[in-house]
Structure formats: C-alpha cells, structure tokens
Amino acid sequence: MNIYDKANELAKALKESPEVAEITSAMKLVDADPESKRMLDDFRNRQNELQQQMMTGEMPSPEEMEKMEKLFEVLSMNLNIRRLFDAERRLSVIIQDVNKIITDSLQHLYGPQM
C-alpha cells in the first residue's frame, strides 16, 4: 500500500464530495451578485488580516473581534452567503474528522493522552 496513492484517493473523494459541490454552487451564486461578492471579499480580507496578526502573536482587541462577529452575523443574513458558510462548515467538519482518524491511528506511538 502506497500512502501517497491513498492520500490522492482521499483528495479525489473530497473534490467529488457533495460538500465541495455545494461550496462550488454557493460560490457561483455569491459571485453572480456583485454586492454579495464585495461584502464577502471584504470579510475574507479582514479575516485574513486578523489571522496574520494572531500568527505574529498579536491578539486582536475585543472590540475588533466583536466587530468581526457582528459582520459575520450581517453576512449570514444574505441567503447565498449563509449557504456558502454552511457548506464550508460541513466540509470543515469532514476535514477535522479525517485529521482525527489519522492522528488517532498514530496515538499508540506516543502513548495515551493526558
């Protein structure tokens, strides 16, 4: 068994999954509406900026985090953006589950978790 072949099979299964198809479909709807696309792009850009900031060890202020939460709530009122967020969340759960399966399979190497 070649691990890389299995990884490529998993990648192919993810690409062909209903969750990825739903993200693709939702993204097309968002892209078709210039205002929705602009709002989502602005949100993603700000989200990336905050992630970069946190990676350098600088935590965003509580006010900034609250602002992002409110912006997320506003964006979620847009049905197409909410559909995209929901689809992304479902794919994220799958990726987390797969990661846990892989990690759990190696746990015997490091002993039980505390």
N, C-alpha and C. Protein backbone atom coordinates (compact mmCIF):
# COMPACT_ATOMS: atom_id res chain seq x y z
N MET A 1 0.85 -1.18 0.00
CA MET A 1 0.00 0.00 0.00
C MET A 1 0.90 1.24 0.00
N ASN A 2 0.63 2.15 -0.91
CA ASN A 2 1.37 3.40 -1.01
C ASN A 2 0.54 4.51 -0.35
N ILE A 3 1.10 5.12 0.68
CA ILE A 3 0.38 6.16 1.42
C ILE A 3 0.01 7.33 0.52
N TYR A 4 0.90 7.68 -0.41
CA TYR A 4 0.63 8.80 -1.30
C TYR A 4 -0.53 8.50 -2.25
N ASP A 5 -0.63 7.26 -2.68
CA ASP A 5 -1.77 6.87 -3.52
C ASP A 5 -3.07 7.01 -2.73
N LYS A 6 -3.06 6.58 -1.48
CA LYS A 6 -4.26 6.71 -0.63
C LYS A 6 -4.59 8.18 -0.39
N ALA A 7 -3.57 9.00 -0.18
CA ALA A 7 -3.81 10.43 0.02
C ALA A 7 -4.43 11.05 -1.23
N ASN A 8 -3.95 10.63 -2.39
CA ASN A 8 -4.53 11.13 -3.64
C ASN A 8 -5.97 10.64 -3.83
N GLU A 9 -6.25 9.41 -3.40
CA GLU A 9 -7.63 8.90 -3.44
C GLU A 9 -8.53 9.73 -2.54
N LEU A 10 -8.02 10.04 -1.34
CA LEU A 10 -8.78 10.87 -0.41
C LEU A 10 -9.03 12.26 -1.00
N ALA A 11 -8.00 12.83 -1.61
CA ALA A 11 -8.15 14.16 -2.24
C ALA A 11 -9.20 14.11 -3.33
N LYS A 12 -9.18 13.07 -4.12
CA LYS A 12 -10.17 12.92 -5.20
C LYS A 12 -11.58 12.77 -4.62
N ALA A 13 -11.71 11.98 -3.55
CA ALA A 13 -13.01 11.80 -2.91
C ALA A 13 -13.53 13.12 -2.35
N LEU A 14 -12.64 13.91 -1.77
CA LEU A 14 -13.06 15.22 -1.26
C LEU A 14 -13.53 16.13 -2.40
N LYS A 15 -12.75 16.17 -3.48
CA LYS A 15 -13.12 17.02 -4.63
C LYS A 15 -14.48 16.64 -5.20
N GLU A 16 -14.80 15.35 -5.16
CA GLU A 16 -16.05 14.85 -5.74
C GLU A 16 -17.19 14.78 -4.72
N SER A 17 -16.94 15.23 -3.50
CA SER A 17 -17.94 15.11 -2.44
C SER A 17 -19.09 16.10 -2.64
N PRO A 18 -20.26 15.76 -2.10
CA PRO A 18 -21.39 16.70 -2.15
C PRO A 18 -21.07 18.02 -1.46
N GLU A 19 -20.24 17.98 -0.44
CA GLU A 19 -19.90 19.20 0.29
C GLU A 19 -19.13 20.18 -0.60
N VAL A 20 -18.18 19.67 -1.36
CA VAL A 20 -17.43 20.54 -2.27
C VAL A 20 -18.34 21.04 -3.40
N ALA A 21 -19.21 20.17 -3.87
CA ALA A 21 -20.17 20.59 -4.91
C ALA A 21 -21.07 21.71 -4.39
N GLU A 22 -21.47 21.61 -3.13
CA GLU A 22 -22.32 22.64 -2.54
C GLU A 22 -21.56 23.96 -2.38
N ILE A 23 -20.30 23.90 -2.00
CA ILE A 23 -19.50 25.12 -1.89
C ILE A 23 -19.37 25.77 -3.27
N THR A 24 -19.09 24.97 -4.28
CA THR A 24 -18.95 25.48 -5.65
C THR A 24 -20.24 26.15 -6.10
N SER A 25 -21.35 25.50 -5.85
CA SER A 25 -22.66 26.04 -6.24
C SER A 25 -22.96 27.34 -5.50
N ALA A 26 -22.72 27.35 -4.20
CA ALA A 26 -22.99 28.55 -3.40
C ALA A 26 -22.07 29.69 -3.82
N MET A 27 -20.83 29.37 -4.13
CA MET A 27 -19.87 30.40 -4.54
C MET A 27 -20.31 31.05 -5.86
N LYS A 28 -20.85 30.25 -6.77
CA LYS A 28 -21.33 30.80 -8.04
C LYS A 28 -22.46 31.79 -7.80
N LEU A 29 -23.34 31.48 -6.85
CA LEU A 29 -24.44 32.40 -6.54
C LEU A 29 -23.91 33.70 -5.94
N VAL A 30 -22.94 33.59 -5.06
CA VAL A 30 -22.36 34.79 -4.45
C VAL A 30 -21.64 35.62 -5.52
N ASP A 31 -20.87 34.95 -6.37
CA ASP A 31 -20.13 35.65 -7.42
C ASP A 31 -21.06 36.36 -8.42
N ALA A 32 -22.26 35.83 -8.57
CA ALA A 32 -23.22 36.42 -9.52
C ALA A 32 -23.84 37.72 -9.00
N ASP A 33 -23.68 37.97 -7.71
CA ASP A 33 -24.24 39.18 -7.11
C ASP A 33 -23.08 40.07 -6.65
N PRO A 34 -22.79 41.15 -7.40
CA PRO A 34 -21.61 41.98 -7.08
C PRO A 34 -21.57 42.49 -5.64
N GLU A 35 -22.70 42.85 -5.08
CA GLU A 35 -22.71 43.36 -3.70
C GLU A 35 -22.36 42.25 -2.71
N SER A 36 -22.93 41.06 -2.92
CA SER A 36 -22.61 39.92 -2.04
C SER A 36 -21.14 39.57 -2.15
N LYS A 37 -20.62 39.57 -3.37
CA LYS A 37 -19.21 39.24 -3.59
C LYS A 37 -18.31 40.25 -2.90
N ARG A 38 -18.64 41.53 -3.04
CA ARG A 38 -17.84 42.58 -2.41
C ARG A 38 -17.84 42.42 -0.88
N MET A 39 -19.02 42.19 -0.31
CA MET A 39 -19.12 42.04 1.13
C MET A 39 -18.32 40.83 1.61
N LEU A 40 -18.44 39.72 0.90
CA LEU A 40 -17.72 38.51 1.28
C LEU A 40 -16.21 38.71 1.13
N ASP A 41 -15.79 39.32 0.04
CA ASP A 41 -14.36 39.58 -0.17
C ASP A 41 -13.79 40.47 0.93
N ASP A 42 -14.54 41.51 1.30
CA ASP A 42 -14.10 42.40 2.38
C ASP A 42 -13.96 41.64 3.70
N PHE A 43 -14.94 40.79 3.98
CA PHE A 43 -14.92 39.99 5.20
C PHE A 43 -13.72 39.04 5.20
N ARG A 44 -13.51 38.34 4.08
CA ARG A 44 -12.39 37.38 4.00
C ARG A 44 -11.04 38.10 4.12
N ASN A 45 -10.93 39.27 3.50
CA ASN A 45 -9.68 40.03 3.61
C ASN A 45 -9.40 40.42 5.06
N ARG A 46 -10.43 40.91 5.73
CA ARG A 46 -10.26 41.31 7.14
C ARG A 46 -9.96 40.09 8.01
N GLN A 47 -10.62 38.97 7.71
CA GLN A 47 -10.39 37.73 8.43
C GLN A 47 -8.92 37.28 8.27
N ASN A 48 -8.42 37.36 7.05
CA ASN A 48 -7.02 37.00 6.79
C ASN A 48 -6.06 37.92 7.53
N GLU A 49 -6.38 39.20 7.57
CA GLU A 49 -5.53 40.16 8.28
C GLU A 49 -5.46 39.80 9.77
N LEU A 50 -6.61 39.45 10.35
CA LEU A 50 -6.64 39.09 11.77
C LEU A 50 -5.86 37.80 12.02
N GLN A 51 -5.98 36.84 11.12
CA GLN A 51 -5.23 35.59 11.28
C GLN A 51 -3.74 35.85 11.19
N GLN A 52 -3.31 36.70 10.26
CA GLN A 52 -1.90 37.05 10.16
C GLN A 52 -1.42 37.74 11.44
N GLN A 53 -2.24 38.61 11.95
CA GLN A 53 -1.92 39.32 13.18
C GLN A 53 -1.74 38.31 14.33
N MET A 54 -2.63 37.35 14.44
CA MET A 54 -2.55 36.36 15.52
C MET A 54 -1.34 35.45 15.34
N MET A 55 -0.96 35.18 14.09
CA MET A 55 0.20 34.33 13.85
C MET A 55 1.50 35.00 14.30
N THR A 56 1.50 36.32 14.36
CA THR A 56 2.68 37.04 14.84
C THR A 56 2.64 37.21 16.35
N GLY A 57 1.60 36.65 16.99
CA GLY A 57 1.49 36.70 18.44
C GLY A 57 0.71 37.88 18.96
N GLU A 58 0.21 38.69 18.06
CA GLU A 58 -0.56 39.88 18.47
C GLU A 58 -2.04 39.53 18.43
N MET A 59 -2.69 39.62 19.57
CA MET A 59 -4.11 39.29 19.63
C MET A 59 -4.95 40.53 19.28
N PRO A 60 -5.97 40.32 18.45
CA PRO A 60 -6.86 41.45 18.14
C PRO A 60 -7.60 41.90 19.40
N SER A 61 -7.98 43.15 19.39
CA SER A 61 -8.70 43.68 20.55
C SER A 61 -10.09 43.04 20.63
N PRO A 62 -10.66 43.02 21.83
CA PRO A 62 -12.03 42.50 21.97
C PRO A 62 -13.02 43.26 21.07
N GLU A 63 -12.78 44.54 20.89
CA GLU A 63 -13.65 45.35 20.03
C GLU A 63 -13.58 44.87 18.58
N GLU A 64 -12.34 44.57 18.14
CA GLU A 64 -12.16 44.09 16.77
C GLU A 64 -12.83 42.73 16.58
N MET A 65 -12.70 41.87 17.57
CA MET A 65 -13.34 40.54 17.49
C MET A 65 -14.86 40.67 17.47
N GLU A 66 -15.38 41.58 18.27
CA GLU A 66 -16.82 41.80 18.30
C GLU A 66 -17.30 42.36 16.95
N LYS A 67 -16.51 43.25 16.38
CA LYS A 67 -16.84 43.82 15.07
C LYS A 67 -16.92 42.71 14.01
N MET A 68 -15.96 41.78 14.06
CA MET A 68 -15.97 40.67 13.10
C MET A 68 -17.18 39.76 13.31
N GLU A 69 -17.52 39.50 14.56
CA GLU A 69 -18.69 38.67 14.85
C GLU A 69 -19.96 39.33 14.31
N LYS A 70 -20.07 40.62 14.50
CA LYS A 70 -21.26 41.33 14.00
C LYS A 70 -21.29 41.32 12.48
N LEU A 71 -20.13 41.50 11.87
CA LEU A 71 -20.06 41.46 10.42
C LEU A 71 -20.46 40.08 9.90
N PHE A 72 -20.01 39.04 10.60
CA PHE A 72 -20.38 37.67 10.24
C PHE A 72 -21.90 37.50 10.32
N GLU A 73 -22.51 38.03 11.37
CA GLU A 73 -23.96 37.94 11.53
C GLU A 73 -24.68 38.66 10.40
N VAL A 74 -24.19 39.83 10.03
CA VAL A 74 -24.80 40.58 8.93
C VAL A 74 -24.68 39.80 7.62
N LEU A 75 -23.48 39.26 7.36
CA LEU A 75 -23.28 38.49 6.13
C LEU A 75 -24.17 37.26 6.11
N SER A 76 -24.38 36.66 7.27
CA SER A 76 -25.20 35.45 7.35
C SER A 76 -26.67 35.71 7.04
N MET A 77 -27.07 36.96 7.06
CA MET A 77 -28.44 37.29 6.68
C MET A 77 -28.64 37.16 5.17
N ASN A 78 -27.56 37.26 4.44
CA ASN A 78 -27.60 37.07 2.99
C ASN A 78 -27.70 35.56 2.74
N LEU A 79 -28.78 35.12 2.12
CA LEU A 79 -29.04 33.68 1.97
C LEU A 79 -27.94 32.95 1.22
N ASN A 80 -27.41 33.57 0.18
CA ASN A 80 -26.36 32.91 -0.60
C ASN A 80 -25.06 32.79 0.19
N ILE A 81 -24.72 33.83 0.93
CA ILE A 81 -23.50 33.79 1.74
C ILE A 81 -23.70 32.79 2.89
N ARG A 82 -24.87 32.78 3.49
CA ARG A 82 -25.13 31.82 4.57
C ARG A 82 -25.03 30.39 4.04
N ARG A 83 -25.56 30.17 2.85
CA ARG A 83 -25.45 28.84 2.23
C ARG A 83 -23.98 28.46 2.05
N LEU A 84 -23.15 29.41 1.61
CA LEU A 84 -21.72 29.17 1.45
C LEU A 84 -21.07 28.86 2.80
N PHE A 85 -21.35 29.68 3.81
CA PHE A 85 -20.77 29.46 5.14
C PHE A 85 -21.16 28.09 5.68
N ASP A 86 -22.43 27.70 5.51
CA ASP A 86 -22.90 26.39 5.99
C ASP A 86 -22.18 25.26 5.27
N ALA A 87 -22.01 25.39 3.97
CA ALA A 87 -21.32 24.36 3.19
C ALA A 87 -19.85 24.27 3.60
N GLU A 88 -19.22 25.41 3.82
CA GLU A 88 -17.82 25.42 4.27
C GLU A 88 -17.69 24.77 5.64
N ARG A 89 -18.66 25.02 6.51
CA ARG A 89 -18.63 24.44 7.84
C ARG A 89 -18.73 22.91 7.76
N ARG A 90 -19.62 22.41 6.89
CA ARG A 90 -19.76 20.95 6.74
C ARG A 90 -18.46 20.33 6.21
N LEU A 91 -17.81 20.97 5.25
CA LEU A 91 -16.54 20.45 4.74
C LEU A 91 -15.47 20.50 5.83
N SER A 92 -15.46 21.55 6.62
CA SER A 92 -14.50 21.68 7.71
C SER A 92 -14.66 20.53 8.71
N VAL A 93 -15.88 20.15 9.01
CA VAL A 93 -16.13 19.03 9.93
C VAL A 93 -15.54 17.74 9.36
N ILE A 94 -15.74 17.52 8.07
CA ILE A 94 -15.19 16.33 7.43
C ILE A 94 -13.67 16.33 7.54
N ILE A 95 -13.04 17.45 7.24
CA ILE A 95 -11.58 17.55 7.30
C ILE A 95 -11.09 17.31 8.73
N GLN A 96 -11.79 17.88 9.71
CA GLN A 96 -11.42 17.65 11.11
C GLN A 96 -11.56 16.18 11.47
N ASP A 97 -12.64 15.54 11.02
CA ASP A 97 -12.85 14.12 11.31
C ASP A 97 -11.74 13.27 10.69
N VAL A 98 -11.37 13.56 9.45
CA VAL A 98 -10.31 12.80 8.78
C VAL A 98 -8.99 13.01 9.51
N ASN A 99 -8.72 14.24 9.91
CA ASN A 99 -7.50 14.53 10.67
C ASN A 99 -7.47 13.74 11.97
N LYS A 100 -8.61 13.67 12.65
CA LYS A 100 -8.68 12.92 13.90
C LYS A 100 -8.45 11.44 13.67
N ILE A 101 -9.02 10.89 12.61
CA ILE A 101 -8.81 9.48 12.29
C ILE A 101 -7.34 9.20 12.07
N ILE A 102 -6.67 10.06 11.32
CA ILE A 102 -5.24 9.88 11.05
C ILE A 102 -4.43 10.02 12.34
N THR A 103 -4.71 11.05 13.10
CA THR A 103 -3.98 11.27 14.35
C THR A 103 -4.20 10.13 15.33
N ASP A 104 -5.44 9.68 15.46
CA ASP A 104 -5.75 8.58 16.37
C ASP A 104 -5.02 7.30 15.97
N SER A 105 -4.83 7.10 14.67
CA SER A 105 -4.16 5.89 14.21
C SER A 105 -2.68 5.86 14.62
N LEU A 106 -2.13 7.01 14.97
CA LEU A 106 -0.72 7.10 15.36
C LEU A 106 -0.54 7.30 16.87
N GLN A 107 -1.63 7.35 17.58
CA GLN A 107 -1.57 7.64 19.02
C GLN A 107 -0.73 6.60 19.77
N HIS A 108 -0.77 5.38 19.31
CA HIS A 108 0.00 4.32 20.00
C HIS A 108 1.50 4.61 20.02
N LEU A 109 1.96 5.44 19.12
CA LEU A 109 3.38 5.80 19.08
C LEU A 109 3.80 6.67 20.25
N TYR A 110 2.87 7.45 20.76
CA TYR A 110 3.19 8.44 21.78
C TYR A 110 2.52 8.17 23.11
N GLY A 111 1.78 7.11 23.22
CA GLY A 111 1.13 6.75 24.47
C GLY A 111 -0.18 7.49 24.66
N PRO A 112 -0.89 7.17 25.73
CA PRO A 112 -2.20 7.78 25.96
C PRO A 112 -2.09 9.27 26.25
N GLN A 113 -3.10 9.98 25.85
CA GLN A 113 -3.15 11.43 26.10
C GLN A 113 -3.52 11.66 27.56
N MET A 114 -3.01 12.72 28.10
CA MET A 114 -3.30 13.08 29.50
C MET A 114 -4.61 13.81 29.57
